[in-house]
Amino acid sequence: MVLDITGGDEDTVRAVMTALDEHWATSGVVPMRRDPGEPGVRARIYADVLRPGRHSP
């Protein structure tokens, strides 16, 4: 699964990535970007919502 995260600042986006990493197997905290003319900070992470030992619904 690909997750695009947008937040008002880098601290917020980093906190979201860290929280997701605690629950799912993710690509971790990745570099963030600011798009010219657009507000906020963006990041894209990859997540596997099934950790080893868990079964799909």
C-alpha atoms as a PDB file:
ATOM      1  CA  MET A   1       0.000   0.000   0.000  1.00  0.00           C
ATOM      2  CA  VAL A   2       1.241   3.513  -0.795  1.00  0.00           C
ATOM      3  CA  LEU A   3       0.421   6.309   1.655  1.00  0.00           C
ATOM      4  CA  ASP A   4       0.786   9.969   0.716  1.00  0.00           C
ATOM      5  CA  ILE A   5       1.008  12.077   3.854  1.00  0.00           C
ATOM      6  CA  THR A   6       0.504  15.843   3.883  1.00  0.00           C
ATOM      7  CA  GLY A   7       0.896  18.039   6.939  1.00  0.00           C
ATOM      8  CA  GLY A   8       1.416  21.633   7.913  1.00  0.00           C
ATOM      9  CA  ASP A   9       5.021  21.119   9.009  1.00  0.00           C
ATOM     10  CA  GLU A  10       7.830  18.548   9.104  1.00  0.00           C
ATOM     11  CA  ASP A  11       7.275  17.654  12.765  1.00  0.00           C
ATOM     12  CA  THR A  12       3.659  16.696  12.083  1.00  0.00           C
ATOM     13  CA  VAL A  13       4.483  14.562   9.043  1.00  0.00           C
ATOM     14  CA  ARG A  14       7.354  12.874  10.915  1.00  0.00           C
ATOM     15  CA  ALA A  15       5.019  12.078  13.837  1.00  0.00           C
ATOM     16  CA  VAL A  16       2.482  10.483  11.485  1.00  0.00           C
ATOM     17  CA  MET A  17       5.158   8.353   9.797  1.00  0.00           C
ATOM     18  CA  THR A  18       6.491   7.243  13.183  1.00  0.00           C
ATOM     19  CA  ALA A  19       3.017   6.302  14.439  1.00  0.00           C
ATOM     20  CA  LEU A  20       2.260   4.301  11.299  1.00  0.00           C
ATOM     21  CA  ASP A  21       5.594   2.492  11.625  1.00  0.00           C
ATOM     22  CA  GLU A  22       4.606   1.379  15.142  1.00  0.00           C
ATOM     23  CA  HIS A  23       1.484  -0.399  13.819  1.00  0.00           C
ATOM     24  CA  TRP A  24       2.473  -1.575  10.340  1.00  0.00           C
ATOM     25  CA  ALA A  25       5.624  -2.616   8.540  1.00  0.00           C
ATOM     26  CA  THR A  26       6.475   0.593   6.631  1.00  0.00           C
ATOM     27  CA  SER A  27       9.373   2.061   4.704  1.00  0.00           C
ATOM     28  CA  GLY A  28      10.030   4.172   7.826  1.00  0.00           C
ATOM     29  CA  VAL A  29      10.594   7.892   8.114  1.00  0.00           C
ATOM     30  CA  VAL A  30      11.443   9.067   4.605  1.00  0.00           C
ATOM     31  CA  PRO A  31      12.620  12.422   3.222  1.00  0.00           C
ATOM     32  CA  MET A  32       9.894  15.062   2.997  1.00  0.00           C
ATOM     33  CA  ARG A  33       9.304  17.589   0.240  1.00  0.00           C
ATOM     34  CA  ARG A  34       7.704  20.968  -0.219  1.00  0.00           C
ATOM     35  CA  ASP A  35       6.064  21.640  -3.552  1.00  0.00           C
ATOM     36  CA  PRO A  36       6.506  25.226  -4.806  1.00  0.00           C
ATOM     37  CA  GLY A  37       3.299  27.217  -4.482  1.00  0.00           C
ATOM     38  CA  GLU A  38       1.618  24.544  -2.347  1.00  0.00           C
ATOM     39  CA  PRO A  39       1.204  24.777   1.427  1.00  0.00           C
ATOM     40  CA  GLY A  40       2.559  22.113   3.746  1.00  0.00           C
ATOM     41  CA  VAL A  41       5.002  19.238   3.609  1.00  0.00           C
ATOM     42  CA  ARG A  42       4.532  15.920   1.821  1.00  0.00           C
ATOM     43  CA  ALA A  43       5.960  12.430   2.131  1.00  0.00           C
ATOM     44  CA  ARG A  44       5.213   9.068   0.537  1.00  0.00           C
ATOM     45  CA  ILE A  45       5.669   5.844   2.441  1.00  0.00           C
ATOM     46  CA  TYR A  46       5.019   2.236   1.632  1.00  0.00           C
ATOM     47  CA  ALA A  47       3.236   0.011   4.120  1.00  0.00           C
ATOM     48  CA  ASP A  48       2.424  -3.643   4.528  1.00  0.00           C
ATOM     49  CA  VAL A  49      -0.638  -3.682   6.761  1.00  0.00           C
ATOM     50  CA  LEU A  50      -0.081  -7.353   7.590  1.00  0.00           C
ATOM     51  CA  ARG A  51       2.827  -7.983   9.913  1.00  0.00           C
ATOM     52  CA  PRO A  52       4.260 -11.504  10.122  1.00  0.00           C
ATOM     53  CA  GLY A  53       1.972 -13.822  12.055  1.00  0.00           C
ATOM     54  CA  ARG A  54      -1.215 -11.924  11.203  1.00  0.00           C
ATOM     55  CA  HIS A  55      -3.807 -13.170   8.753  1.00  0.00           C
ATOM     56  CA  SER A  56      -5.801 -11.286   6.190  1.00  0.00           C
ATOM     57  CA  PRO A  57      -9.516 -10.759   6.905  1.00  0.00           C
END
